[in-house]
Amino acid sequence: MKLPIKFILAVIFLVILGVGAIFFTKIFNPAPFGSNEGDEYITIKGSKPKDLNVTAWATFYGGGENCNSWTFSADTGKVTKAAKDVIKIEHDFSENENSYELRIPYKGYNTNCGMTLYSVSFKANNKFDEVFASFRTARGAEVSYRTLPSTVHLESRNCNAKISKSRKREHWTGYIMCDFYIDNKKLQGDQNSINMDFDLFNDSTVIRYDIIAGKDYRSEPMDPETGI
């Protein structure tokens, strides 16, 4: 049976339209880093309250005579050949709302400046508090007894809301405070900054970091006028 010309043209048009939509989607809405074949990354993953969002930043530094970027130091007043790049990671690869998985680039790049991963910063937020359960891991100047392996188990436990009234501004403020643990050992004070041997990072590296709500954890935003 011979098909009508109009029907054949309509089918061809729909095929072209579909291929074009896929093409432009890849250009204007590219897949997030970590989902493409060949992407090299370490993983930060763990459990979390379902309302909580997580974000990480990977900071790279580089320099040298062949570097085509310049940096001014306010401390010394000198201009040197150096470069800095901060990559923000927000895409969560976990399919479970009670857990998260971030994929962090770690490989050096830009042969002129020799960009090298210097630090990774992490923070959590919800509708009540914009920043809590944060930590930072950095490349130490040298490997020492203070340098931790990436296999350590990091935790923020007892994440509870604190609400108080400001005397100066006559309004209420609120935030979430957590206890930071490394391998079941509680750190005293604000010591959420740790050193790791970044040279040992590879595609199989997984940093486990669990964020655990306490009995006074809060998800809902607060009215600064009433404290409720």
N, C-alpha and C. Protein backbone atom coordinates (compact mmCIF):
# COMPACT_ATOMS: atom_id res chain seq x y z
N MET A 1 0.84 -1.19 0.00
CA MET A 1 0.00 0.00 0.00
C MET A 1 0.88 1.25 0.00
N LYS A 2 0.58 2.15 -0.88
CA LYS A 2 1.37 3.36 -1.01
C LYS A 2 0.90 4.42 -0.02
N LEU A 3 1.85 4.92 0.81
CA LEU A 3 1.49 5.92 1.82
C LEU A 3 1.39 7.29 1.19
N PRO A 4 0.47 8.14 1.70
CA PRO A 4 0.32 9.50 1.18
C PRO A 4 1.58 10.32 1.42
N ILE A 5 1.89 11.19 0.50
CA ILE A 5 3.07 12.04 0.62
C ILE A 5 3.00 12.90 1.88
N LYS A 6 1.82 13.44 2.18
CA LYS A 6 1.68 14.30 3.36
C LYS A 6 2.01 13.54 4.65
N PHE A 7 1.61 12.26 4.72
CA PHE A 7 1.88 11.46 5.90
C PHE A 7 3.38 11.23 6.06
N ILE A 8 4.06 10.92 4.94
CA ILE A 8 5.51 10.68 4.97
C ILE A 8 6.24 11.94 5.40
N LEU A 9 5.82 13.10 4.84
CA LEU A 9 6.47 14.37 5.21
C LEU A 9 6.24 14.69 6.68
N ALA A 10 5.04 14.37 7.18
CA ALA A 10 4.74 14.63 8.59
C ALA A 10 5.63 13.80 9.50
N VAL A 11 5.83 12.53 9.14
CA VAL A 11 6.70 11.64 9.94
C VAL A 11 8.14 12.16 9.93
N ILE A 12 8.62 12.56 8.75
CA ILE A 12 9.98 13.09 8.64
C ILE A 12 10.13 14.35 9.48
N PHE A 13 9.13 15.21 9.46
CA PHE A 13 9.17 16.45 10.24
C PHE A 13 9.24 16.15 11.74
N LEU A 14 8.46 15.17 12.21
CA LEU A 14 8.45 14.83 13.63
C LEU A 14 9.80 14.24 14.06
N VAL A 15 10.40 13.44 13.18
CA VAL A 15 11.72 12.86 13.48
C VAL A 15 12.76 13.97 13.60
N ILE A 16 12.75 14.89 12.62
CA ILE A 16 13.70 16.02 12.66
C ILE A 16 13.49 16.87 13.90
N LEU A 17 12.22 17.10 14.25
CA LEU A 17 11.89 17.91 15.43
C LEU A 17 12.39 17.24 16.70
N GLY A 18 12.23 15.91 16.78
CA GLY A 18 12.69 15.17 17.97
C GLY A 18 14.20 15.19 18.11
N VAL A 19 14.91 14.97 16.99
CA VAL A 19 16.38 15.00 17.01
C VAL A 19 16.87 16.40 17.39
N GLY A 20 16.22 17.43 16.84
CA GLY A 20 16.60 18.80 17.15
C GLY A 20 16.39 19.13 18.62
N ALA A 21 15.29 18.65 19.19
CA ALA A 21 15.02 18.91 20.61
C ALA A 21 16.09 18.28 21.50
N ILE A 22 16.49 17.05 21.17
CA ILE A 22 17.55 16.38 21.94
C ILE A 22 18.86 17.15 21.81
N PHE A 23 19.18 17.60 20.60
CA PHE A 23 20.43 18.32 20.35
C PHE A 23 20.50 19.61 21.16
N PHE A 24 19.43 20.41 21.08
CA PHE A 24 19.44 21.69 21.78
C PHE A 24 19.35 21.52 23.29
N THR A 25 18.71 20.45 23.76
CA THR A 25 18.67 20.18 25.20
C THR A 25 20.06 19.92 25.73
N LYS A 26 20.88 19.19 24.99
CA LYS A 26 22.24 18.89 25.42
C LYS A 26 23.11 20.14 25.42
N ILE A 27 22.82 21.07 24.49
CA ILE A 27 23.62 22.30 24.42
C ILE A 27 23.25 23.26 25.54
N PHE A 28 21.95 23.53 25.70
CA PHE A 28 21.51 24.55 26.63
C PHE A 28 21.20 24.01 28.03
N ASN A 29 21.08 22.72 28.18
CA ASN A 29 20.84 22.11 29.49
C ASN A 29 21.73 20.89 29.63
N PRO A 30 23.06 21.10 29.68
CA PRO A 30 23.99 19.98 29.70
C PRO A 30 23.86 19.15 30.97
N ALA A 31 24.25 17.90 30.88
CA ALA A 31 24.20 17.02 32.04
C ALA A 31 25.16 17.52 33.11
N PRO A 32 24.83 17.39 34.39
CA PRO A 32 25.71 17.87 35.46
C PRO A 32 27.02 17.09 35.50
N PHE A 33 28.06 17.75 36.01
CA PHE A 33 29.34 17.08 36.16
C PHE A 33 29.16 15.83 37.03
N GLY A 34 29.80 14.75 36.61
CA GLY A 34 29.70 13.50 37.33
C GLY A 34 28.78 12.50 36.68
N SER A 35 28.01 12.95 35.68
CA SER A 35 27.08 12.04 35.00
C SER A 35 27.58 11.65 33.61
N ASN A 36 28.67 12.26 33.17
CA ASN A 36 29.20 11.97 31.85
C ASN A 36 30.34 10.96 31.92
N GLU A 37 30.44 10.12 30.91
CA GLU A 37 31.54 9.17 30.83
C GLU A 37 32.86 9.94 30.73
N GLY A 38 33.81 9.57 31.54
CA GLY A 38 35.10 10.26 31.54
C GLY A 38 35.24 11.30 32.64
N ASP A 39 34.14 11.68 33.30
CA ASP A 39 34.23 12.61 34.43
C ASP A 39 34.99 11.93 35.58
N GLU A 40 35.94 12.63 36.15
CA GLU A 40 36.73 12.09 37.26
C GLU A 40 36.37 12.87 38.52
N TYR A 41 35.96 12.16 39.57
CA TYR A 41 35.47 12.84 40.76
C TYR A 41 35.62 11.96 42.00
N ILE A 42 35.66 12.64 43.16
CA ILE A 42 35.49 11.95 44.43
C ILE A 42 34.04 12.16 44.85
N THR A 43 33.59 11.42 45.83
CA THR A 43 32.20 11.47 46.25
C THR A 43 32.10 11.83 47.74
N ILE A 44 31.21 12.76 48.04
CA ILE A 44 30.82 13.02 49.42
C ILE A 44 29.36 12.60 49.54
N LYS A 45 29.07 11.70 50.46
CA LYS A 45 27.71 11.17 50.55
C LYS A 45 27.39 10.83 52.00
N GLY A 46 26.09 10.73 52.28
CA GLY A 46 25.67 10.35 53.63
C GLY A 46 24.18 10.50 53.81
N SER A 47 23.74 10.32 55.05
CA SER A 47 22.33 10.49 55.38
C SER A 47 22.07 11.93 55.79
N LYS A 48 20.78 12.33 55.71
CA LYS A 48 20.40 13.71 56.05
C LYS A 48 18.90 13.78 56.30
N PRO A 49 18.42 14.82 57.00
CA PRO A 49 16.97 15.05 57.05
C PRO A 49 16.44 15.34 55.65
N LYS A 50 15.22 14.93 55.37
CA LYS A 50 14.73 15.02 54.00
C LYS A 50 14.54 16.44 53.49
N ASP A 51 14.38 17.43 54.40
CA ASP A 51 14.18 18.81 53.97
C ASP A 51 15.48 19.54 53.70
N LEU A 52 16.59 18.91 54.00
CA LEU A 52 17.89 19.58 53.96
C LEU A 52 18.51 19.54 52.57
N ASN A 53 19.13 20.65 52.15
CA ASN A 53 19.86 20.74 50.88
C ASN A 53 21.35 20.86 51.18
N VAL A 54 22.17 20.36 50.28
CA VAL A 54 23.62 20.39 50.48
C VAL A 54 24.30 21.04 49.28
N THR A 55 25.42 21.70 49.56
CA THR A 55 26.21 22.37 48.53
C THR A 55 27.68 22.21 48.87
N ALA A 56 28.52 22.09 47.85
CA ALA A 56 29.97 22.01 48.07
C ALA A 56 30.67 22.94 47.09
N TRP A 57 31.88 23.35 47.47
CA TRP A 57 32.73 24.17 46.61
C TRP A 57 34.11 23.55 46.55
N ALA A 58 34.63 23.35 45.34
CA ALA A 58 35.99 22.86 45.15
C ALA A 58 36.85 24.04 44.72
N THR A 59 37.90 24.34 45.49
CA THR A 59 38.77 25.48 45.20
C THR A 59 40.10 24.98 44.65
N PHE A 60 40.46 25.50 43.47
CA PHE A 60 41.72 25.15 42.80
C PHE A 60 42.64 26.37 42.77
N TYR A 61 43.94 26.13 42.96
CA TYR A 61 44.95 27.18 42.82
C TYR A 61 46.02 26.73 41.83
N GLY A 62 46.67 27.70 41.20
CA GLY A 62 47.76 27.40 40.29
C GLY A 62 48.66 28.62 40.12
N GLY A 63 49.77 28.45 39.43
CA GLY A 63 50.70 29.55 39.20
C GLY A 63 51.87 29.10 38.35
N GLY A 64 52.96 29.84 38.43
CA GLY A 64 54.16 29.51 37.65
C GLY A 64 54.44 30.52 36.56
N GLU A 65 55.63 30.46 35.98
CA GLU A 65 56.05 31.43 34.96
C GLU A 65 55.18 31.41 33.72
N ASN A 66 54.62 30.25 33.38
CA ASN A 66 53.81 30.14 32.16
C ASN A 66 52.34 30.47 32.39
N CYS A 67 51.98 30.77 33.63
CA CYS A 67 50.58 31.07 33.95
C CYS A 67 50.18 32.41 33.32
N ASN A 68 49.02 32.45 32.70
CA ASN A 68 48.56 33.68 32.03
C ASN A 68 47.55 34.46 32.87
N SER A 69 47.49 34.16 34.18
CA SER A 69 46.63 34.90 35.10
C SER A 69 47.49 35.58 36.16
N TRP A 70 46.96 36.70 36.69
CA TRP A 70 47.70 37.48 37.68
C TRP A 70 46.85 37.66 38.93
N THR A 71 47.52 37.65 40.09
CA THR A 71 46.85 37.83 41.37
C THR A 71 47.56 38.90 42.18
N PHE A 72 46.76 39.80 42.76
CA PHE A 72 47.31 40.86 43.62
C PHE A 72 47.14 40.48 45.08
N SER A 73 48.20 40.58 45.85
CA SER A 73 48.17 40.30 47.28
C SER A 73 48.03 41.59 48.06
N ALA A 74 46.94 41.72 48.82
CA ALA A 74 46.74 42.90 49.65
C ALA A 74 47.72 42.95 50.81
N ASP A 75 48.23 41.77 51.22
CA ASP A 75 49.16 41.72 52.35
C ASP A 75 50.55 42.24 51.95
N THR A 76 51.03 41.81 50.77
CA THR A 76 52.39 42.18 50.37
C THR A 76 52.42 43.31 49.35
N GLY A 77 51.28 43.57 48.70
CA GLY A 77 51.24 44.59 47.66
C GLY A 77 51.86 44.16 46.36
N LYS A 78 52.12 42.85 46.22
CA LYS A 78 52.78 42.33 45.03
C LYS A 78 51.78 41.67 44.08
N VAL A 79 52.12 41.71 42.80
CA VAL A 79 51.34 41.03 41.78
C VAL A 79 52.14 39.82 41.31
N THR A 80 51.54 38.66 41.36
CA THR A 80 52.22 37.43 40.96
C THR A 80 51.41 36.67 39.92
N LYS A 81 52.07 35.81 39.19
CA LYS A 81 51.39 34.95 38.23
C LYS A 81 50.73 33.80 38.98
N ALA A 82 49.43 33.90 39.14
CA ALA A 82 48.69 32.89 39.89
C ALA A 82 47.24 32.90 39.45
N ALA A 83 46.56 31.81 39.74
CA ALA A 83 45.15 31.69 39.34
C ALA A 83 44.37 30.97 40.43
N LYS A 84 43.09 31.29 40.50
CA LYS A 84 42.19 30.65 41.45
C LYS A 84 40.87 30.36 40.75
N ASP A 85 40.31 29.19 41.03
CA ASP A 85 39.03 28.82 40.44
C ASP A 85 38.20 28.11 41.50
N VAL A 86 36.97 28.54 41.69
CA VAL A 86 36.07 27.92 42.65
C VAL A 86 34.89 27.32 41.89
N ILE A 87 34.70 26.02 42.04
CA ILE A 87 33.63 25.31 41.35
C ILE A 87 32.54 24.94 42.35
N LYS A 88 31.32 25.38 42.08
CA LYS A 88 30.19 25.12 42.97
C LYS A 88 29.49 23.84 42.54
N ILE A 89 29.22 22.96 43.49
CA ILE A 89 28.56 21.68 43.20
C ILE A 89 27.25 21.63 43.97
N GLU A 90 26.14 21.55 43.23
CA GLU A 90 24.82 21.51 43.86
C GLU A 90 24.00 20.29 43.47
N HIS A 91 24.34 19.64 42.38
CA HIS A 91 23.51 18.53 41.91
C HIS A 91 23.65 17.33 42.85
N ASP A 92 22.52 16.86 43.35
CA ASP A 92 22.48 15.71 44.25
C ASP A 92 22.13 14.46 43.45
N PHE A 93 23.05 13.48 43.43
CA PHE A 93 22.83 12.27 42.65
C PHE A 93 22.03 11.21 43.40
N SER A 94 21.75 11.44 44.66
CA SER A 94 20.98 10.46 45.42
C SER A 94 19.52 10.47 44.97
N GLU A 95 18.92 9.30 44.90
CA GLU A 95 17.51 9.18 44.53
C GLU A 95 16.62 9.04 45.76
N ASN A 96 17.24 9.13 46.95
CA ASN A 96 16.52 9.01 48.22
C ASN A 96 16.55 10.36 48.92
N GLU A 97 15.41 10.89 49.31
CA GLU A 97 15.36 12.21 49.94
C GLU A 97 15.99 12.22 51.34
N ASN A 98 16.25 11.05 51.90
CA ASN A 98 16.90 10.96 53.21
C ASN A 98 18.40 10.76 53.12
N SER A 99 18.95 10.93 51.94
CA SER A 99 20.40 10.82 51.76
C SER A 99 20.81 11.78 50.65
N TYR A 100 22.12 11.95 50.47
CA TYR A 100 22.63 12.83 49.42
C TYR A 100 23.91 12.23 48.84
N GLU A 101 24.29 12.69 47.66
CA GLU A 101 25.54 12.28 47.01
C GLU A 101 26.02 13.42 46.11
N LEU A 102 27.14 14.01 46.46
CA LEU A 102 27.77 15.05 45.65
C LEU A 102 29.03 14.49 45.01
N ARG A 103 29.27 14.88 43.77
CA ARG A 103 30.46 14.42 43.03
C ARG A 103 31.36 15.61 42.78
N ILE A 104 32.58 15.53 43.31
CA ILE A 104 33.49 16.66 43.37
C ILE A 104 34.68 16.46 42.43
N PRO A 105 34.94 17.38 41.51
CA PRO A 105 36.14 17.26 40.67
C PRO A 105 37.40 17.37 41.52
N TYR A 106 38.42 16.57 41.20
CA TYR A 106 39.65 16.61 41.99
C TYR A 106 40.91 16.66 41.13
N LYS A 107 40.78 16.39 39.85
CA LYS A 107 41.95 16.33 38.97
C LYS A 107 42.43 17.74 38.62
N GLY A 108 43.75 17.90 38.55
CA GLY A 108 44.32 19.17 38.12
C GLY A 108 44.06 19.42 36.65
N TYR A 109 44.14 20.66 36.23
CA TYR A 109 43.87 21.03 34.83
C TYR A 109 44.62 22.32 34.53
N ASN A 110 44.53 22.79 33.29
CA ASN A 110 45.20 24.01 32.83
C ASN A 110 46.71 23.88 33.00
N THR A 111 47.36 23.32 32.00
CA THR A 111 48.79 23.05 32.10
C THR A 111 49.62 24.32 32.24
N ASN A 112 49.10 25.46 31.77
CA ASN A 112 49.86 26.72 31.90
C ASN A 112 49.99 27.16 33.35
N CYS A 113 48.90 27.01 34.11
CA CYS A 113 48.90 27.45 35.51
C CYS A 113 49.01 26.27 36.48
N GLY A 114 48.87 25.05 35.98
CA GLY A 114 48.99 23.89 36.87
C GLY A 114 47.98 23.91 37.99
N MET A 115 46.69 24.05 37.66
CA MET A 115 45.64 24.14 38.67
C MET A 115 45.55 22.86 39.48
N THR A 116 45.57 23.00 40.81
CA THR A 116 45.55 21.87 41.74
C THR A 116 44.47 22.08 42.78
N LEU A 117 43.77 21.00 43.12
CA LEU A 117 42.73 21.09 44.15
C LEU A 117 43.37 21.45 45.49
N TYR A 118 42.86 22.53 46.09
CA TYR A 118 43.40 23.00 47.36
C TYR A 118 42.47 22.71 48.54
N SER A 119 41.16 22.87 48.33
CA SER A 119 40.23 22.63 49.43
C SER A 119 38.85 22.29 48.90
N VAL A 120 38.07 21.65 49.76
CA VAL A 120 36.66 21.36 49.48
C VAL A 120 35.86 21.83 50.69
N SER A 121 34.88 22.71 50.44
CA SER A 121 34.02 23.21 51.51
C SER A 121 32.60 22.68 51.30
N PHE A 122 31.91 22.47 52.40
CA PHE A 122 30.59 21.83 52.37
C PHE A 122 29.67 22.57 53.33
N LYS A 123 28.41 22.75 52.93
CA LYS A 123 27.44 23.33 53.86
C LYS A 123 26.05 22.77 53.57
N ALA A 124 25.22 22.81 54.63
CA ALA A 124 23.83 22.39 54.51
C ALA A 124 22.93 23.58 54.79
N ASN A 125 21.71 23.52 54.30
CA ASN A 125 20.73 24.57 54.59
C ASN A 125 19.32 24.02 54.46
N ASN A 126 18.41 24.70 55.15
CA ASN A 126 16.98 24.43 54.97
C ASN A 126 16.24 25.76 55.09
N LYS A 127 14.94 25.73 55.21
CA LYS A 127 14.16 26.96 55.23
C LYS A 127 14.34 27.74 56.53
N PHE A 128 14.85 27.07 57.57
CA PHE A 128 15.05 27.74 58.85
C PHE A 128 16.43 28.39 58.95
N ASP A 129 17.46 27.71 58.44
CA ASP A 129 18.84 28.21 58.57
C ASP A 129 19.56 28.03 57.23
N GLU A 130 20.24 29.09 56.80
CA GLU A 130 20.90 29.09 55.49
C GLU A 130 22.24 28.35 55.50
N VAL A 131 22.90 28.27 56.65
CA VAL A 131 24.21 27.61 56.72
C VAL A 131 24.34 26.88 58.05
N PHE A 132 24.51 25.56 57.99
CA PHE A 132 24.84 24.78 59.19
C PHE A 132 25.46 23.45 58.75
N ALA A 133 25.96 22.70 59.73
CA ALA A 133 26.60 21.41 59.46
C ALA A 133 27.70 21.53 58.40
N SER A 134 28.42 22.65 58.43
CA SER A 134 29.46 22.87 57.42
C SER A 134 30.78 22.24 57.86
N PHE A 135 31.60 21.90 56.90
CA PHE A 135 32.97 21.47 57.19
C PHE A 135 33.85 21.80 55.99
N ARG A 136 35.14 21.78 56.21
CA ARG A 136 36.10 22.08 55.15
C ARG A 136 37.27 21.13 55.27
N THR A 137 37.68 20.56 54.16
CA THR A 137 38.89 19.76 54.13
C THR A 137 39.86 20.38 53.15
N ALA A 138 41.13 20.46 53.54
CA ALA A 138 42.13 21.16 52.74
C ALA A 138 43.37 20.30 52.56
N ARG A 139 44.13 20.66 51.55
CA ARG A 139 45.42 20.01 51.30
C ARG A 139 46.45 20.63 52.27
N GLY A 140 46.98 19.84 53.15
CA GLY A 140 47.97 20.34 54.10
C GLY A 140 49.29 20.64 53.42
N ALA A 141 50.10 21.51 54.06
CA ALA A 141 51.42 21.84 53.50
C ALA A 141 52.30 20.60 53.43
N GLU A 142 52.08 19.68 54.36
CA GLU A 142 52.80 18.42 54.35
C GLU A 142 51.95 17.37 55.05
N VAL A 143 52.23 16.11 54.75
CA VAL A 143 51.50 15.02 55.38
C VAL A 143 52.08 14.81 56.78
N SER A 144 51.22 14.82 57.79
CA SER A 144 51.67 14.65 59.17
C SER A 144 50.66 13.79 59.91
N TYR A 145 50.86 13.65 61.22
CA TYR A 145 49.94 12.85 62.02
C TYR A 145 48.55 13.48 62.07
N ARG A 146 48.46 14.77 61.73
CA ARG A 146 47.17 15.44 61.71
C ARG A 146 46.40 15.20 60.41
N THR A 147 47.08 14.66 59.42
CA THR A 147 46.43 14.41 58.13
C THR A 147 45.52 13.19 58.24
N LEU A 148 44.25 13.36 57.89
CA LEU A 148 43.29 12.28 58.03
C LEU A 148 43.09 11.55 56.71
N PRO A 149 42.86 10.24 56.76
CA PRO A 149 42.53 9.51 55.53
C PRO A 149 41.09 9.82 55.10
N SER A 150 40.82 9.67 53.83
CA SER A 150 39.48 9.96 53.33
C SER A 150 38.46 8.94 53.80
N THR A 151 38.93 7.86 54.44
CA THR A 151 38.02 6.81 54.90
C THR A 151 37.41 7.13 56.27
N VAL A 152 37.78 8.27 56.87
CA VAL A 152 37.20 8.61 58.17
C VAL A 152 35.69 8.83 58.03
N HIS A 153 34.98 8.58 59.12
CA HIS A 153 33.53 8.78 59.13
C HIS A 153 33.23 10.10 59.82
N LEU A 154 32.71 11.05 59.06
CA LEU A 154 32.37 12.36 59.58
C LEU A 154 30.87 12.41 59.88
N GLU A 155 30.52 13.10 60.98
CA GLU A 155 29.11 13.23 61.35
C GLU A 155 28.84 14.60 61.97
N SER A 156 27.67 15.12 61.70
CA SER A 156 27.12 16.22 62.48
C SER A 156 25.92 15.66 63.20
N ARG A 157 26.05 15.51 64.53
CA ARG A 157 24.98 14.94 65.33
C ARG A 157 24.25 16.05 66.11
N ASN A 158 23.09 15.68 66.61
CA ASN A 158 22.33 16.59 67.49
C ASN A 158 22.13 17.97 66.85
N CYS A 159 21.72 17.99 65.61
CA CYS A 159 21.47 19.27 64.92
C CYS A 159 20.14 19.83 65.41
N ASN A 160 20.23 20.83 66.27
CA ASN A 160 19.05 21.39 66.91
C ASN A 160 18.94 22.89 66.67
N ALA A 161 17.71 23.39 66.64
CA ALA A 161 17.46 24.81 66.44
C ALA A 161 17.67 25.57 67.75
N LYS A 162 18.28 26.75 67.63
CA LYS A 162 18.47 27.67 68.74
C LYS A 162 17.78 28.99 68.37
N ILE A 163 16.93 29.50 69.25
CA ILE A 163 16.20 30.74 68.99
C ILE A 163 16.41 31.70 70.15
N SER A 164 16.74 32.94 69.83
CA SER A 164 16.97 33.94 70.87
C SER A 164 16.53 35.31 70.35
N LYS A 165 16.32 36.23 71.27
CA LYS A 165 15.90 37.58 70.91
C LYS A 165 17.08 38.53 70.99
N SER A 166 17.28 39.30 69.91
CA SER A 166 18.37 40.25 69.87
C SER A 166 18.02 41.48 70.70
N ARG A 167 18.91 41.87 71.61
CA ARG A 167 18.65 43.04 72.46
C ARG A 167 18.79 44.34 71.68
N LYS A 168 19.71 44.38 70.74
CA LYS A 168 19.97 45.61 70.00
C LYS A 168 18.88 45.91 68.97
N ARG A 169 18.48 44.87 68.25
CA ARG A 169 17.56 45.10 67.13
C ARG A 169 16.10 44.76 67.45
N GLU A 170 15.86 44.23 68.63
CA GLU A 170 14.50 43.91 69.06
C GLU A 170 13.78 42.96 68.09
N HIS A 171 14.50 41.96 67.64
CA HIS A 171 13.84 40.93 66.85
C HIS A 171 14.47 39.57 67.17
N TRP A 172 13.82 38.53 66.72
CA TRP A 172 14.26 37.17 67.03
C TRP A 172 15.18 36.63 65.95
N THR A 173 16.15 35.86 66.37
CA THR A 173 17.06 35.20 65.43
C THR A 173 17.09 33.70 65.72
N GLY A 174 17.37 32.93 64.68
CA GLY A 174 17.42 31.49 64.86
C GLY A 174 18.49 30.86 64.00
N TYR A 175 19.03 29.77 64.48
CA TYR A 175 20.05 29.03 63.73
C TYR A 175 20.06 27.59 64.21
N ILE A 176 20.76 26.74 63.47
CA ILE A 176 20.89 25.33 63.84
C ILE A 176 22.34 25.05 64.22
N MET A 177 22.53 24.39 65.35
CA MET A 177 23.86 24.04 65.82
C MET A 177 23.98 22.51 65.91
N CYS A 178 25.14 22.00 65.49
CA CYS A 178 25.38 20.56 65.51
C CYS A 178 26.69 20.25 66.25
N ASP A 179 26.83 19.02 66.68
CA ASP A 179 28.09 18.51 67.23
C ASP A 179 28.82 17.75 66.14
N PHE A 180 30.10 18.09 65.91
CA PHE A 180 30.87 17.50 64.82
C PHE A 180 31.71 16.33 65.36
N TYR A 181 31.61 15.19 64.69
CA TYR A 181 32.31 13.97 65.12
C TYR A 181 33.20 13.45 63.99
N ILE A 182 34.35 12.91 64.38
CA ILE A 182 35.22 12.19 63.46
C ILE A 182 35.46 10.80 64.05
N ASP A 183 35.00 9.78 63.35
CA ASP A 183 35.13 8.40 63.84
C ASP A 183 34.66 8.28 65.28
N ASN A 184 33.45 8.78 65.54
CA ASN A 184 32.79 8.71 66.85
C ASN A 184 33.45 9.54 67.93
N LYS A 185 34.40 10.38 67.58
CA LYS A 185 35.05 11.26 68.55
C LYS A 185 34.55 12.68 68.33
N LYS A 186 33.97 13.26 69.39
CA LYS A 186 33.43 14.61 69.29
C LYS A 186 34.55 15.64 69.34
N LEU A 187 34.51 16.58 68.38
CA LEU A 187 35.49 17.66 68.38
C LEU A 187 34.96 18.83 69.20
N GLN A 188 35.83 19.44 69.96
CA GLN A 188 35.44 20.55 70.81
C GLN A 188 35.52 21.87 70.04
N GLY A 189 34.53 22.73 70.29
CA GLY A 189 34.56 24.05 69.67
C GLY A 189 34.29 23.99 68.17
N ASP A 190 34.72 25.04 67.49
CA ASP A 190 34.52 25.16 66.04
C ASP A 190 35.75 24.61 65.32
N GLN A 191 35.82 23.29 65.20
CA GLN A 191 36.98 22.63 64.60
C GLN A 191 36.58 21.78 63.41
N ASN A 192 35.69 22.30 62.60
CA ASN A 192 35.19 21.54 61.47
C ASN A 192 36.08 21.65 60.24
N SER A 193 37.34 22.00 60.44
CA SER A 193 38.31 22.09 59.34
C SER A 193 39.35 21.01 59.52
N ILE A 194 39.52 20.16 58.51
CA ILE A 194 40.43 19.02 58.61
C ILE A 194 41.33 18.96 57.38
N ASN A 195 42.48 18.32 57.53
CA ASN A 195 43.42 18.12 56.42
C ASN A 195 43.35 16.68 55.93
N MET A 196 43.43 16.53 54.62
CA MET A 196 43.50 15.20 54.01
C MET A 196 44.61 15.19 52.98
N ASP A 197 45.11 14.00 52.66
CA ASP A 197 46.14 13.86 51.64
C ASP A 197 45.46 13.77 50.28
N PHE A 198 45.32 14.92 49.61
CA PHE A 198 44.61 14.96 48.34
C PHE A 198 45.30 14.15 47.25
N ASP A 199 46.59 13.90 47.40
CA ASP A 199 47.32 13.14 46.39
C ASP A 199 46.84 11.69 46.32
N LEU A 200 46.14 11.23 47.35
CA LEU A 200 45.64 9.86 47.38
C LEU A 200 44.22 9.76 46.82
N PHE A 201 43.63 10.89 46.46
CA PHE A 201 42.27 10.87 45.90
C PHE A 201 42.26 10.15 44.55
N ASN A 202 41.21 9.37 44.33
CA ASN A 202 40.99 8.74 43.03
C ASN A 202 39.48 8.61 42.83
N ASP A 203 39.09 8.01 41.72
CA ASP A 203 37.66 7.93 41.39
C ASP A 203 36.87 7.07 42.37
N SER A 204 37.57 6.28 43.19
CA SER A 204 36.88 5.42 44.16
C SER A 204 36.79 6.06 45.54
N THR A 205 37.34 7.25 45.70
CA THR A 205 37.35 7.91 47.00
C THR A 205 35.94 8.35 47.39
N VAL A 206 35.51 7.93 48.58
CA VAL A 206 34.20 8.32 49.12
C VAL A 206 34.40 8.87 50.53
N ILE A 207 34.00 10.11 50.74
CA ILE A 207 34.01 10.72 52.07
C ILE A 207 32.61 10.61 52.64
N ARG A 208 32.48 9.87 53.74
CA ARG A 208 31.17 9.65 54.36
C ARG A 208 30.90 10.74 55.39
N TYR A 209 29.81 11.47 55.19
CA TYR A 209 29.44 12.54 56.12
C TYR A 209 27.93 12.49 56.35
N ASP A 210 27.54 12.07 57.57
CA ASP A 210 26.13 11.96 57.93
C ASP A 210 25.70 13.18 58.74
N ILE A 211 24.50 13.70 58.45
CA ILE A 211 23.94 14.83 59.17
C ILE A 211 22.68 14.34 59.87
N ILE A 212 22.69 14.40 61.22
CA ILE A 212 21.65 13.75 62.01
C ILE A 212 20.87 14.80 62.81
N ALA A 213 19.57 14.83 62.60
CA ALA A 213 18.71 15.79 63.29
C ALA A 213 18.57 15.42 64.76
N GLY A 214 18.56 16.45 65.64
CA GLY A 214 18.29 16.25 67.05
C GLY A 214 16.80 16.41 67.33
N LYS A 215 16.43 16.30 68.60
CA LYS A 215 15.00 16.37 68.96
C LYS A 215 14.42 17.77 68.74
N ASP A 216 15.28 18.79 68.69
CA ASP A 216 14.81 20.16 68.47
C ASP A 216 15.18 20.68 67.07
N TYR A 217 15.40 19.76 66.16
CA TYR A 217 15.67 20.16 64.77
C TYR A 217 14.44 20.87 64.21
N ARG A 218 14.67 21.86 63.38
CA ARG A 218 13.55 22.63 62.83
C ARG A 218 13.69 22.79 61.33
N SER A 219 12.58 22.61 60.61
CA SER A 219 12.55 22.76 59.16
C SER A 219 11.86 24.04 58.72
N GLU A 220 10.86 24.49 59.50
CA GLU A 220 10.03 25.60 59.08
C GLU A 220 10.75 26.93 59.30
N PRO A 221 10.52 27.90 58.42
CA PRO A 221 11.10 29.24 58.62
C PRO A 221 10.53 29.90 59.87
N MET A 222 11.26 30.88 60.42
CA MET A 222 10.84 31.56 61.65
C MET A 222 10.47 33.01 61.34
N ASP A 223 9.46 33.51 62.01
CA ASP A 223 9.07 34.91 61.92
C ASP A 223 9.94 35.72 62.87
N PRO A 224 10.80 36.61 62.35
CA PRO A 224 11.70 37.37 63.23
C PRO A 224 10.98 38.32 64.17
N GLU A 225 9.73 38.62 63.90
CA GLU A 225 8.96 39.53 64.77
C GLU A 225 8.42 38.82 66.00
N THR A 226 8.08 37.54 65.84
CA THR A 226 7.44 36.80 66.93
C THR A 226 8.33 35.68 67.48
N GLY A 227 9.34 35.24 66.70
CA GLY A 227 10.15 34.11 67.14
C GLY A 227 9.47 32.78 66.97
N ILE A 228 8.40 32.75 66.20
CA ILE A 228 7.64 31.51 66.00
C ILE A 228 7.78 31.07 64.55
